[in-house]
Amino acid sequence: ADLEDACESLERQLRAVDDELQTKNRELERANSEKLTDMDEERELQREDVDRKPQREERESNIASEEQKKALIEQNSRLEATVDLLVRDYHNTTEELVDAEEGLEASDAEMLRLGSLSREAA
């Protein structure tokens, strides 16, 4: 029962982390999409009026965008690693639960055998 509770708890944690990961991924995709749109609009404005904004600012903006993109990719990788750990823990706990159930079944069979022997002896 304790192992089942632990397994269920891990399942809930896994679902929560998975939901969080999916939410974060959607947020990251939305942020990336918005950033790309902003970058496209900025590039278009720069093409229309090159004299209005120096090329140096464009390069700095692109560098900052690339750094942000790398940071988002790293954050996503860390979240995926967390999910992988939770999945592994879940599988290990499930295996322990199966082993414990098999042990209980063996104990029950042994108790029935001993009960049968004691009845025969009596």
N, C-alpha and C. Protein backbone atom coordinates (compact mmCIF):
# COMPACT_ATOMS: atom_id res chain seq x y z
N ALA A 1 0.83 -1.19 0.00
CA ALA A 1 0.00 0.00 0.00
C ALA A 1 0.88 1.25 0.00
N ASP A 2 1.95 1.21 0.80
CA ASP A 2 2.85 2.37 0.83
C ASP A 2 3.51 2.57 -0.53
N LEU A 3 3.89 1.45 -1.15
CA LEU A 3 4.51 1.56 -2.47
C LEU A 3 3.50 2.05 -3.50
N GLU A 4 2.24 1.58 -3.36
CA GLU A 4 1.22 2.07 -4.28
C GLU A 4 1.02 3.57 -4.10
N ASP A 5 0.97 4.02 -2.85
CA ASP A 5 0.82 5.47 -2.58
C ASP A 5 2.00 6.23 -3.15
N ALA A 6 3.21 5.69 -2.96
CA ALA A 6 4.40 6.35 -3.48
C ALA A 6 4.35 6.39 -5.01
N CYS A 7 3.90 5.30 -5.59
CA CYS A 7 3.79 5.24 -7.05
C CYS A 7 2.77 6.26 -7.55
N GLU A 8 1.63 6.32 -6.88
CA GLU A 8 0.61 7.29 -7.27
C GLU A 8 1.12 8.71 -7.09
N SER A 9 1.84 8.94 -6.02
CA SER A 9 2.42 10.26 -5.78
C SER A 9 3.40 10.63 -6.89
N LEU A 10 4.24 9.66 -7.27
CA LEU A 10 5.18 9.92 -8.35
C LEU A 10 4.45 10.17 -9.67
N GLU A 11 3.35 9.42 -9.88
CA GLU A 11 2.56 9.65 -11.10
C GLU A 11 2.01 11.07 -11.11
N ARG A 12 1.49 11.52 -9.96
CA ARG A 12 0.96 12.89 -9.88
C ARG A 12 2.06 13.90 -10.12
N GLN A 13 3.22 13.65 -9.51
CA GLN A 13 4.35 14.57 -9.70
C GLN A 13 4.77 14.59 -11.16
N LEU A 14 4.81 13.42 -11.77
CA LEU A 14 5.20 13.33 -13.17
C LEU A 14 4.22 14.09 -14.05
N ARG A 15 2.92 13.90 -13.78
CA ARG A 15 1.92 14.63 -14.57
C ARG A 15 2.07 16.14 -14.35
N ALA A 16 2.31 16.54 -13.11
CA ALA A 16 2.46 17.97 -12.81
C ALA A 16 3.68 18.54 -13.53
N VAL A 17 4.78 17.82 -13.48
CA VAL A 17 5.99 18.30 -14.15
C VAL A 17 5.78 18.30 -15.66
N ASP A 18 5.11 17.27 -16.17
CA ASP A 18 4.84 17.21 -17.59
C ASP A 18 3.95 18.38 -18.01
N ASP A 19 2.90 18.65 -17.21
CA ASP A 19 2.04 19.80 -17.50
C ASP A 19 2.84 21.09 -17.46
N GLU A 20 3.71 21.22 -16.45
CA GLU A 20 4.54 22.42 -16.34
C GLU A 20 5.46 22.54 -17.55
N LEU A 21 6.04 21.41 -17.96
CA LEU A 21 6.93 21.42 -19.12
C LEU A 21 6.18 21.82 -20.38
N GLN A 22 4.98 21.28 -20.56
CA GLN A 22 4.19 21.63 -21.73
C GLN A 22 3.82 23.11 -21.69
N THR A 23 3.44 23.60 -20.52
CA THR A 23 3.11 25.02 -20.38
C THR A 23 4.32 25.88 -20.69
N LYS A 24 5.47 25.51 -20.11
CA LYS A 24 6.70 26.27 -20.37
C LYS A 24 7.05 26.23 -21.85
N ASN A 25 6.92 25.04 -22.47
CA ASN A 25 7.22 24.93 -23.90
C ASN A 25 6.30 25.85 -24.72
N ARG A 26 5.00 25.86 -24.37
CA ARG A 26 4.08 26.75 -25.08
C ARG A 26 4.47 28.21 -24.87
N GLU A 27 4.83 28.55 -23.63
CA GLU A 27 5.26 29.92 -23.34
C GLU A 27 6.52 30.26 -24.13
N LEU A 28 7.47 29.31 -24.16
CA LEU A 28 8.70 29.55 -24.90
C LEU A 28 8.43 29.69 -26.39
N GLU A 29 7.57 28.85 -26.92
CA GLU A 29 7.23 28.94 -28.34
C GLU A 29 6.54 30.27 -28.64
N ARG A 30 5.63 30.67 -27.76
CA ARG A 30 4.94 31.95 -27.95
C ARG A 30 5.94 33.11 -27.87
N ALA A 31 6.83 33.05 -26.86
CA ALA A 31 7.83 34.11 -26.71
C ALA A 31 8.76 34.14 -27.92
N ASN A 32 9.16 32.96 -28.38
CA ASN A 32 10.02 32.89 -29.57
C ASN A 32 9.31 33.46 -30.79
N SER A 33 8.04 33.09 -30.95
CA SER A 33 7.27 33.56 -32.08
C SER A 33 7.12 35.08 -32.02
N GLU A 34 6.81 35.60 -30.84
CA GLU A 34 6.69 37.06 -30.69
C GLU A 34 8.03 37.74 -30.97
N LYS A 35 9.08 37.15 -30.46
CA LYS A 35 10.41 37.73 -30.67
C LYS A 35 10.77 37.72 -32.15
N LEU A 36 10.49 36.60 -32.82
CA LEU A 36 10.76 36.53 -34.25
C LEU A 36 9.93 37.55 -35.02
N THR A 37 8.67 37.70 -34.64
CA THR A 37 7.82 38.70 -35.28
C THR A 37 8.38 40.09 -35.06
N ASP A 38 8.75 40.38 -33.82
CA ASP A 38 9.36 41.68 -33.50
C ASP A 38 10.63 41.90 -34.31
N MET A 39 11.44 40.85 -34.40
CA MET A 39 12.69 40.96 -35.15
C MET A 39 12.40 41.21 -36.63
N ASP A 40 11.40 40.50 -37.17
CA ASP A 40 11.03 40.68 -38.58
C ASP A 40 10.53 42.11 -38.83
N GLU A 41 9.70 42.60 -37.91
CA GLU A 41 9.19 43.97 -38.04
C GLU A 41 10.33 44.97 -37.96
N GLU A 42 11.24 44.72 -37.02
CA GLU A 42 12.39 45.62 -36.85
C GLU A 42 13.26 45.62 -38.11
N ARG A 43 13.49 44.44 -38.65
CA ARG A 43 14.29 44.35 -39.88
C ARG A 43 13.62 45.10 -41.04
N GLU A 44 12.30 44.95 -41.12
CA GLU A 44 11.56 45.63 -42.18
C GLU A 44 11.67 47.14 -42.03
N LEU A 45 11.53 47.63 -40.80
CA LEU A 45 11.68 49.07 -40.55
C LEU A 45 13.08 49.53 -40.92
N GLN A 46 14.05 48.72 -40.61
CA GLN A 46 15.43 49.08 -40.92
C GLN A 46 15.66 49.10 -42.42
N ARG A 47 15.02 48.18 -43.13
CA ARG A 47 15.16 48.18 -44.59
C ARG A 47 14.52 49.43 -45.19
N GLU A 48 13.37 49.82 -44.62
CA GLU A 48 12.66 50.98 -45.13
C GLU A 48 13.43 52.27 -44.90
N ASP A 49 14.07 52.35 -43.77
CA ASP A 49 14.81 53.58 -43.46
C ASP A 49 16.13 53.24 -42.79
N VAL A 50 17.11 52.86 -43.60
CA VAL A 50 18.40 52.41 -43.11
C VAL A 50 19.10 53.51 -42.32
N ASP A 51 18.88 54.74 -42.72
CA ASP A 51 19.55 55.86 -42.06
C ASP A 51 19.02 56.11 -40.65
N ARG A 52 17.84 55.64 -40.34
CA ARG A 52 17.24 55.93 -39.04
C ARG A 52 17.93 55.18 -37.89
N LYS A 53 18.44 54.00 -38.20
CA LYS A 53 19.04 53.18 -37.13
C LYS A 53 20.38 52.64 -37.60
N PRO A 54 21.43 52.86 -36.85
CA PRO A 54 22.74 52.36 -37.27
C PRO A 54 22.80 50.83 -37.28
N GLN A 55 23.67 50.31 -38.12
CA GLN A 55 23.81 48.85 -38.22
C GLN A 55 24.31 48.23 -36.91
N ARG A 56 25.06 48.98 -36.15
CA ARG A 56 25.57 48.47 -34.88
C ARG A 56 24.42 48.06 -33.96
N GLU A 57 23.35 48.85 -33.89
CA GLU A 57 22.21 48.51 -33.04
C GLU A 57 21.53 47.23 -33.52
N GLU A 58 21.46 47.06 -34.84
CA GLU A 58 20.87 45.84 -35.38
C GLU A 58 21.68 44.61 -34.97
N ARG A 59 23.00 44.72 -35.06
CA ARG A 59 23.86 43.59 -34.66
C ARG A 59 23.68 43.29 -33.17
N GLU A 60 23.64 44.34 -32.34
CA GLU A 60 23.46 44.12 -30.90
C GLU A 60 22.12 43.45 -30.60
N SER A 61 21.08 43.88 -31.31
CA SER A 61 19.76 43.27 -31.13
C SER A 61 19.78 41.80 -31.54
N ASN A 62 20.45 41.50 -32.66
CA ASN A 62 20.54 40.12 -33.12
C ASN A 62 21.33 39.25 -32.14
N ILE A 63 22.42 39.82 -31.61
CA ILE A 63 23.22 39.08 -30.63
C ILE A 63 22.39 38.79 -29.39
N ALA A 64 21.66 39.81 -28.90
CA ALA A 64 20.82 39.62 -27.72
C ALA A 64 19.74 38.58 -27.99
N SER A 65 19.17 38.60 -29.18
CA SER A 65 18.13 37.61 -29.53
C SER A 65 18.71 36.20 -29.56
N GLU A 66 19.89 36.06 -30.11
CA GLU A 66 20.55 34.75 -30.15
C GLU A 66 20.85 34.25 -28.73
N GLU A 67 21.31 35.16 -27.88
CA GLU A 67 21.60 34.78 -26.49
C GLU A 67 20.32 34.36 -25.77
N GLN A 68 19.23 35.09 -26.01
CA GLN A 68 17.96 34.73 -25.41
C GLN A 68 17.49 33.37 -25.92
N LYS A 69 17.65 33.14 -27.20
CA LYS A 69 17.26 31.86 -27.80
C LYS A 69 18.06 30.71 -27.16
N LYS A 70 19.37 30.91 -27.00
CA LYS A 70 20.20 29.89 -26.37
C LYS A 70 19.76 29.63 -24.94
N ALA A 71 19.44 30.70 -24.21
CA ALA A 71 18.99 30.55 -22.82
C ALA A 71 17.68 29.77 -22.76
N LEU A 72 16.76 30.05 -23.68
CA LEU A 72 15.49 29.33 -23.71
C LEU A 72 15.71 27.85 -24.04
N ILE A 73 16.61 27.57 -24.94
CA ILE A 73 16.92 26.17 -25.31
C ILE A 73 17.52 25.45 -24.10
N GLU A 74 18.42 26.11 -23.38
CA GLU A 74 19.02 25.51 -22.18
C GLU A 74 17.96 25.24 -21.12
N GLN A 75 17.06 26.20 -20.91
CA GLN A 75 15.99 26.02 -19.92
C GLN A 75 15.11 24.83 -20.31
N ASN A 76 14.78 24.73 -21.58
CA ASN A 76 13.97 23.62 -22.05
C ASN A 76 14.69 22.29 -21.83
N SER A 77 15.99 22.25 -22.07
CA SER A 77 16.77 21.02 -21.86
C SER A 77 16.75 20.61 -20.38
N ARG A 78 16.88 21.60 -19.49
CA ARG A 78 16.84 21.29 -18.06
C ARG A 78 15.47 20.72 -17.66
N LEU A 79 14.39 21.29 -18.20
CA LEU A 79 13.06 20.78 -17.90
C LEU A 79 12.89 19.36 -18.43
N GLU A 80 13.39 19.10 -19.62
CA GLU A 80 13.31 17.75 -20.18
C GLU A 80 14.11 16.76 -19.32
N ALA A 81 15.26 17.18 -18.83
CA ALA A 81 16.07 16.31 -17.97
C ALA A 81 15.32 16.01 -16.67
N THR A 82 14.62 16.99 -16.13
CA THR A 82 13.83 16.78 -14.92
C THR A 82 12.73 15.76 -15.17
N VAL A 83 12.06 15.88 -16.29
CA VAL A 83 11.01 14.92 -16.64
C VAL A 83 11.60 13.53 -16.80
N ASP A 84 12.76 13.42 -17.45
CA ASP A 84 13.41 12.12 -17.61
C ASP A 84 13.72 11.48 -16.26
N LEU A 85 14.19 12.28 -15.30
CA LEU A 85 14.48 11.76 -13.96
C LEU A 85 13.20 11.27 -13.28
N LEU A 86 12.13 12.04 -13.40
CA LEU A 86 10.87 11.64 -12.78
C LEU A 86 10.32 10.37 -13.42
N VAL A 87 10.46 10.24 -14.71
CA VAL A 87 10.00 9.03 -15.39
C VAL A 87 10.80 7.82 -14.92
N ARG A 88 12.13 8.00 -14.80
CA ARG A 88 12.97 6.90 -14.33
C ARG A 88 12.58 6.52 -12.90
N ASP A 89 12.38 7.51 -12.02
CA ASP A 89 11.97 7.22 -10.64
C ASP A 89 10.62 6.50 -10.62
N TYR A 90 9.71 6.91 -11.47
CA TYR A 90 8.41 6.28 -11.55
C TYR A 90 8.56 4.81 -11.94
N HIS A 91 9.36 4.55 -12.97
CA HIS A 91 9.56 3.16 -13.41
C HIS A 91 10.23 2.32 -12.32
N ASN A 92 11.21 2.89 -11.64
CA ASN A 92 11.87 2.16 -10.55
C ASN A 92 10.88 1.84 -9.44
N THR A 93 10.05 2.80 -9.07
CA THR A 93 9.05 2.58 -8.02
C THR A 93 8.04 1.54 -8.46
N THR A 94 7.65 1.58 -9.72
CA THR A 94 6.70 0.59 -10.23
C THR A 94 7.30 -0.82 -10.15
N GLU A 95 8.58 -0.94 -10.51
CA GLU A 95 9.25 -2.24 -10.42
C GLU A 95 9.30 -2.72 -8.97
N GLU A 96 9.59 -1.81 -8.04
CA GLU A 96 9.62 -2.18 -6.62
C GLU A 96 8.24 -2.64 -6.16
N LEU A 97 7.20 -1.96 -6.64
CA LEU A 97 5.84 -2.33 -6.28
C LEU A 97 5.51 -3.73 -6.79
N VAL A 98 5.89 -4.03 -8.02
CA VAL A 98 5.64 -5.36 -8.59
C VAL A 98 6.41 -6.41 -7.79
N ASP A 99 7.66 -6.13 -7.46
CA ASP A 99 8.46 -7.08 -6.67
C ASP A 99 7.81 -7.32 -5.30
N ALA A 100 7.32 -6.26 -4.67
CA ALA A 100 6.69 -6.38 -3.35
C ALA A 100 5.41 -7.21 -3.46
N GLU A 101 4.62 -6.99 -4.52
CA GLU A 101 3.39 -7.76 -4.71
C GLU A 101 3.71 -9.23 -4.92
N GLU A 102 4.75 -9.53 -5.67
CA GLU A 102 5.15 -10.92 -5.89
C GLU A 102 5.59 -11.55 -4.57
N GLY A 103 6.30 -10.77 -3.74
CA GLY A 103 6.72 -11.27 -2.43
C GLY A 103 5.52 -11.57 -1.55
N LEU A 104 4.51 -10.70 -1.57
CA LEU A 104 3.30 -10.94 -0.79
C LEU A 104 2.56 -12.18 -1.27
N GLU A 105 2.49 -12.35 -2.58
CA GLU A 105 1.83 -13.54 -3.12
C GLU A 105 2.56 -14.81 -2.67
N ALA A 106 3.88 -14.77 -2.68
CA ALA A 106 4.66 -15.92 -2.24
C ALA A 106 4.42 -16.18 -0.75
N SER A 107 4.35 -15.13 0.06
CA SER A 107 4.09 -15.27 1.49
C SER A 107 2.71 -15.87 1.73
N ASP A 108 1.72 -15.37 0.99
CA ASP A 108 0.35 -15.91 1.12
C ASP A 108 0.32 -17.40 0.78
N ALA A 109 1.00 -17.78 -0.29
CA ALA A 109 1.03 -19.19 -0.70
C ALA A 109 1.70 -20.03 0.39
N GLU A 110 2.78 -19.52 0.98
CA GLU A 110 3.47 -20.25 2.04
C GLU A 110 2.58 -20.39 3.27
N MET A 111 1.84 -19.33 3.62
CA MET A 111 0.94 -19.42 4.78
C MET A 111 -0.17 -20.43 4.53
N LEU A 112 -0.70 -20.48 3.31
CA LEU A 112 -1.74 -21.47 2.98
C LEU A 112 -1.17 -22.89 3.08
N ARG A 113 0.05 -23.08 2.59
CA ARG A 113 0.68 -24.38 2.65
C ARG A 113 0.89 -24.81 4.10
N LEU A 114 1.38 -23.90 4.94
CA LEU A 114 1.61 -24.23 6.34
C LEU A 114 0.29 -24.51 7.06
N GLY A 115 -0.75 -23.75 6.72
CA GLY A 115 -2.08 -23.99 7.32
C GLY A 115 -2.58 -25.37 6.93
N SER A 116 -2.38 -25.76 5.70
CA SER A 116 -2.80 -27.06 5.22
C SER A 116 -2.02 -28.17 5.95
N LEU A 117 -0.72 -27.94 6.13
CA LEU A 117 0.10 -28.94 6.83
C LEU A 117 -0.34 -29.08 8.29
N SER A 118 -0.66 -27.95 8.94
CA SER A 118 -1.07 -28.03 10.34
C SER A 118 -2.42 -28.71 10.48
N ARG A 119 -3.31 -28.53 9.51
CA ARG A 119 -4.60 -29.23 9.55
C ARG A 119 -4.41 -30.73 9.36
N GLU A 120 -3.47 -31.08 8.47
CA GLU A 120 -3.19 -32.50 8.24
C GLU A 120 -2.59 -33.14 9.48
N ALA A 121 -1.74 -32.37 10.18
CA ALA A 121 -1.09 -32.88 11.38
C ALA A 121 -2.10 -33.08 12.51
N ALA A 122 -3.14 -32.27 12.52
CA ALA A 122 -4.13 -32.33 13.60
C ALA A 122 -5.12 -33.43 13.42
